[in-house]
Amino acid sequence: MNHPDYSPEVWRYFNDASRVGHLSEEAVSAGRISVRAHTHGSRAVMVIRAQLSAGRVVDCRFQVYGCVSAIACGAWLAQWLIDKGLDEAKTLRASDIEAALQLAPIKRHCALLAEDALGMLLVEWGQNQAADAANSMVEATG
């Protein structure tokens, strides 16, 4: 397919369905996080779900309602997050996604959607870690 707004990398991730969908309930432990981000001024929605173990992402799935580039950004983000820890995940920016996918400037909002979804995921992740630490302290002292 040849379209001026879509690079070969965008098409590659758009066509890769390996990380689309939900995490299976059997595979999910207490370390499951699910977030939903919306773009401002459009109807695009991205849902990112991650399974954590020992402080790292061991599985990640996405769902996107949006254009080809938005779907590619979700697929790229879900793949990139595998085996990342919190500190490393915090370093990712929309510009990194834009560069990796060679997004057309008109499609920047898709990378921003993925960055927003990641930011929400990181907030949930941090809250889960804080709750786990508090529970560990209670168990250790209680």
C-alpha atoms as a PDB file:
ATOM      1  CA  MET A   1       0.000   0.000   0.000  1.00  0.00           C
ATOM      2  CA  ASN A   2       1.235   3.431  -0.818  1.00  0.00           C
ATOM      3  CA  HIS A   3      -0.112   6.519   0.897  1.00  0.00           C
ATOM      4  CA  PRO A   4       1.837   9.708   1.599  1.00  0.00           C
ATOM      5  CA  ASP A   5       0.742   9.859   5.246  1.00  0.00           C
ATOM      6  CA  TYR A   6       1.911   6.331   6.115  1.00  0.00           C
ATOM      7  CA  SER A   7       5.501   5.108   6.222  1.00  0.00           C
ATOM      8  CA  PRO A   8       6.457   1.446   5.747  1.00  0.00           C
ATOM      9  CA  GLU A   9       6.903   1.243   9.548  1.00  0.00           C
ATOM     10  CA  VAL A  10       3.360   2.494  10.119  1.00  0.00           C
ATOM     11  CA  TRP A  11       2.033  -0.156   7.722  1.00  0.00           C
ATOM     12  CA  ARG A  12       4.151  -2.845   9.406  1.00  0.00           C
ATOM     13  CA  TYR A  13       2.737  -2.116  12.871  1.00  0.00           C
ATOM     14  CA  PHE A  14      -0.770  -1.506  11.541  1.00  0.00           C
ATOM     15  CA  ASN A  15      -0.753  -4.997  10.008  1.00  0.00           C
ATOM     16  CA  ASP A  16       0.816  -6.691  13.069  1.00  0.00           C
ATOM     17  CA  ALA A  17      -2.034  -8.025  15.184  1.00  0.00           C
ATOM     18  CA  SER A  18       0.134  -9.884  17.704  1.00  0.00           C
ATOM     19  CA  ARG A  19      -0.598  -7.495  20.606  1.00  0.00           C
ATOM     20  CA  VAL A  20      -4.214  -6.577  19.832  1.00  0.00           C
ATOM     21  CA  GLY A  21      -6.933  -7.319  22.374  1.00  0.00           C
ATOM     22  CA  HIS A  22      -7.285  -8.236  26.014  1.00  0.00           C
ATOM     23  CA  LEU A  23      -5.048 -10.042  28.468  1.00  0.00           C
ATOM     24  CA  SER A  24      -6.494 -13.437  29.304  1.00  0.00           C
ATOM     25  CA  GLU A  25      -7.995 -13.640  32.775  1.00  0.00           C
ATOM     26  CA  GLU A  26      -5.964 -16.781  33.494  1.00  0.00           C
ATOM     27  CA  ALA A  27      -2.704 -14.987  32.720  1.00  0.00           C
ATOM     28  CA  VAL A  28      -3.527 -11.910  34.756  1.00  0.00           C
ATOM     29  CA  SER A  29      -2.392 -11.524  38.333  1.00  0.00           C
ATOM     30  CA  ALA A  30      -2.853  -8.578  40.685  1.00  0.00           C
ATOM     31  CA  GLY A  31      -0.337  -6.727  38.513  1.00  0.00           C
ATOM     32  CA  ARG A  32      -2.812  -5.917  35.752  1.00  0.00           C
ATOM     33  CA  ILE A  33      -3.271  -2.326  34.632  1.00  0.00           C
ATOM     34  CA  SER A  34      -5.735  -1.049  32.052  1.00  0.00           C
ATOM     35  CA  VAL A  35      -6.065   2.581  30.925  1.00  0.00           C
ATOM     36  CA  ARG A  36      -8.014   4.441  28.256  1.00  0.00           C
ATOM     37  CA  ALA A  37      -6.874   7.669  26.580  1.00  0.00           C
ATOM     38  CA  HIS A  38      -8.772   9.932  24.199  1.00  0.00           C
ATOM     39  CA  THR A  39      -7.469  12.517  21.763  1.00  0.00           C
ATOM     40  CA  HIS A  40      -8.666  16.075  22.051  1.00  0.00           C
ATOM     41  CA  GLY A  41     -10.811  17.107  19.114  1.00  0.00           C
ATOM     42  CA  SER A  42     -11.131  13.702  17.473  1.00  0.00           C
ATOM     43  CA  ARG A  43     -12.724  10.371  18.217  1.00  0.00           C
ATOM     44  CA  ALA A  44      -9.537   8.322  18.598  1.00  0.00           C
ATOM     45  CA  VAL A  45      -9.364   6.129  21.702  1.00  0.00           C
ATOM     46  CA  MET A  46      -6.483   3.936  22.867  1.00  0.00           C
ATOM     47  CA  VAL A  47      -6.694   1.274  25.564  1.00  0.00           C
ATOM     48  CA  ILE A  48      -3.444  -0.190  26.904  1.00  0.00           C
ATOM     49  CA  ARG A  49      -3.400  -3.202  29.209  1.00  0.00           C
ATOM     50  CA  ALA A  50      -0.223  -4.442  30.862  1.00  0.00           C
ATOM     51  CA  GLN A  51       0.613  -7.399  33.052  1.00  0.00           C
ATOM     52  CA  LEU A  52       3.435  -6.796  35.501  1.00  0.00           C
ATOM     53  CA  SER A  53       5.748  -9.186  37.254  1.00  0.00           C
ATOM     54  CA  ALA A  54       8.763  -8.311  39.389  1.00  0.00           C
ATOM     55  CA  GLY A  55       8.469  -4.659  38.400  1.00  0.00           C
ATOM     56  CA  ARG A  56       8.493  -5.277  34.652  1.00  0.00           C
ATOM     57  CA  VAL A  57       5.907  -5.536  31.888  1.00  0.00           C
ATOM     58  CA  VAL A  58       5.604  -9.207  30.931  1.00  0.00           C
ATOM     59  CA  ASP A  59       2.639  -8.861  28.594  1.00  0.00           C
ATOM     60  CA  CYS A  60       0.917  -5.912  26.977  1.00  0.00           C
ATOM     61  CA  ARG A  61      -2.165  -5.568  24.776  1.00  0.00           C
ATOM     62  CA  PHE A  62      -3.828  -2.642  23.080  1.00  0.00           C
ATOM     63  CA  GLN A  63      -7.038  -1.623  21.392  1.00  0.00           C
ATOM     64  CA  VAL A  64      -7.439   1.499  19.281  1.00  0.00           C
ATOM     65  CA  TYR A  65     -10.385   3.179  17.686  1.00  0.00           C
ATOM     66  CA  GLY A  66      -8.766   5.521  15.185  1.00  0.00           C
ATOM     67  CA  CYS A  67      -6.811   5.875  11.978  1.00  0.00           C
ATOM     68  CA  VAL A  68      -4.030   3.683  10.586  1.00  0.00           C
ATOM     69  CA  SER A  69      -1.348   5.734  12.373  1.00  0.00           C
ATOM     70  CA  ALA A  70      -3.154   5.582  15.723  1.00  0.00           C
ATOM     71  CA  ILE A  71      -3.400   1.799  15.453  1.00  0.00           C
ATOM     72  CA  ALA A  72       0.275   1.578  14.508  1.00  0.00           C
ATOM     73  CA  CYS A  73       1.200   3.733  17.531  1.00  0.00           C
ATOM     74  CA  GLY A  74      -0.768   1.423  19.841  1.00  0.00           C
ATOM     75  CA  ALA A  75       0.890  -1.665  18.364  1.00  0.00           C
ATOM     76  CA  TRP A  76       4.343  -0.115  18.598  1.00  0.00           C
ATOM     77  CA  LEU A  77       3.795   0.995  22.212  1.00  0.00           C
ATOM     78  CA  ALA A  78       2.485  -2.418  23.305  1.00  0.00           C
ATOM     79  CA  GLN A  79       5.519  -4.124  21.750  1.00  0.00           C
ATOM     80  CA  TRP A  80       7.992  -1.574  23.102  1.00  0.00           C
ATOM     81  CA  LEU A  81       6.702  -1.934  26.679  1.00  0.00           C
ATOM     82  CA  ILE A  82       7.522  -5.653  26.897  1.00  0.00           C
ATOM     83  CA  ASP A  83      10.272  -6.232  29.482  1.00  0.00           C
ATOM     84  CA  LYS A  84      10.450  -2.543  30.423  1.00  0.00           C
ATOM     85  CA  GLY A  85      10.578  -1.377  34.017  1.00  0.00           C
ATOM     86  CA  LEU A  86       8.915   1.747  35.366  1.00  0.00           C
ATOM     87  CA  ASP A  87      12.008   3.969  35.124  1.00  0.00           C
ATOM     88  CA  GLU A  88      12.677   3.018  31.514  1.00  0.00           C
ATOM     89  CA  ALA A  89       9.026   3.372  30.514  1.00  0.00           C
ATOM     90  CA  LYS A  90       9.008   6.907  31.942  1.00  0.00           C
ATOM     91  CA  THR A  91      11.581   7.989  29.354  1.00  0.00           C
ATOM     92  CA  LEU A  92       9.402   7.392  26.274  1.00  0.00           C
ATOM     93  CA  ARG A  93       8.026  10.491  24.556  1.00  0.00           C
ATOM     94  CA  ALA A  94       5.736  11.083  21.593  1.00  0.00           C
ATOM     95  CA  SER A  95       8.786  12.215  19.605  1.00  0.00           C
ATOM     96  CA  ASP A  96      10.345   8.759  20.100  1.00  0.00           C
ATOM     97  CA  ILE A  97       7.204   7.110  18.726  1.00  0.00           C
ATOM     98  CA  GLU A  98       7.095   9.573  15.830  1.00  0.00           C
ATOM     99  CA  ALA A  99      10.704   8.783  14.944  1.00  0.00           C
ATOM    100  CA  ALA A 100      10.331   5.013  15.286  1.00  0.00           C
ATOM    101  CA  LEU A 101       7.282   4.955  13.022  1.00  0.00           C
ATOM    102  CA  GLN A 102       8.420   7.788  10.752  1.00  0.00           C
ATOM    103  CA  LEU A 103       5.046   9.445  11.278  1.00  0.00           C
ATOM    104  CA  ALA A 104       3.981  12.241   8.970  1.00  0.00           C
ATOM    105  CA  PRO A 105       3.773  15.556  10.862  1.00  0.00           C
ATOM    106  CA  ILE A 106       0.015  15.619  10.330  1.00  0.00           C
ATOM    107  CA  LYS A 107      -0.177  12.377  12.367  1.00  0.00           C
ATOM    108  CA  ARG A 108       1.617  13.704  15.477  1.00  0.00           C
ATOM    109  CA  HIS A 109      -1.639  13.518  17.438  1.00  0.00           C
ATOM    110  CA  CYS A 110      -1.446   9.708  17.182  1.00  0.00           C
ATOM    111  CA  ALA A 111       1.920   9.651  18.944  1.00  0.00           C
ATOM    112  CA  LEU A 112       0.554  12.061  21.544  1.00  0.00           C
ATOM    113  CA  LEU A 113      -2.389   9.699  22.117  1.00  0.00           C
ATOM    114  CA  ALA A 114       0.066   6.841  22.760  1.00  0.00           C
ATOM    115  CA  GLU A 115       2.121   9.060  25.090  1.00  0.00           C
ATOM    116  CA  ASP A 116      -1.040   9.997  27.006  1.00  0.00           C
ATOM    117  CA  ALA A 117      -2.022   6.331  27.335  1.00  0.00           C
ATOM    118  CA  LEU A 118       1.474   5.491  28.565  1.00  0.00           C
ATOM    119  CA  GLY A 119       1.369   8.366  31.054  1.00  0.00           C
ATOM    120  CA  MET A 120      -1.903   7.083  32.476  1.00  0.00           C
ATOM    121  CA  LEU A 121      -0.475   3.565  32.628  1.00  0.00           C
ATOM    122  CA  LEU A 122       2.559   4.850  34.525  1.00  0.00           C
ATOM    123  CA  VAL A 123       0.358   6.656  37.060  1.00  0.00           C
ATOM    124  CA  GLU A 124      -1.575   3.437  37.699  1.00  0.00           C
ATOM    125  CA  TRP A 125       1.673   1.471  37.859  1.00  0.00           C
ATOM    126  CA  GLY A 126       3.141   3.887  40.410  1.00  0.00           C
ATOM    127  CA  GLN A 127      -0.017   3.718  42.517  1.00  0.00           C
ATOM    128  CA  ASN A 128       0.072  -0.080  42.408  1.00  0.00           C
ATOM    129  CA  GLN A 129       3.717  -0.096  43.512  1.00  0.00           C
ATOM    130  CA  ALA A 130       2.961   2.298  46.377  1.00  0.00           C
ATOM    131  CA  ALA A 131       0.011   0.149  47.492  1.00  0.00           C
ATOM    132  CA  ASP A 132       2.137  -3.005  47.300  1.00  0.00           C
ATOM    133  CA  ALA A 133       4.862  -1.340  49.389  1.00  0.00           C
ATOM    134  CA  ALA A 134       2.304  -0.188  51.968  1.00  0.00           C
ATOM    135  CA  ASN A 135       0.779  -3.676  52.128  1.00  0.00           C
ATOM    136  CA  SER A 136       4.251  -5.191  52.566  1.00  0.00           C
ATOM    137  CA  MET A 137       4.977  -2.811  55.440  1.00  0.00           C
ATOM    138  CA  VAL A 138       1.683  -3.676  57.106  1.00  0.00           C
ATOM    139  CA  GLU A 139       2.333  -7.388  56.723  1.00  0.00           C
ATOM    140  CA  ALA A 140       5.886  -7.039  57.994  1.00  0.00           C
ATOM    141  CA  THR A 141       4.920  -5.040  61.060  1.00  0.00           C
ATOM    142  CA  GLY A 142       1.459  -6.313  61.667  1.00  0.00           C
END
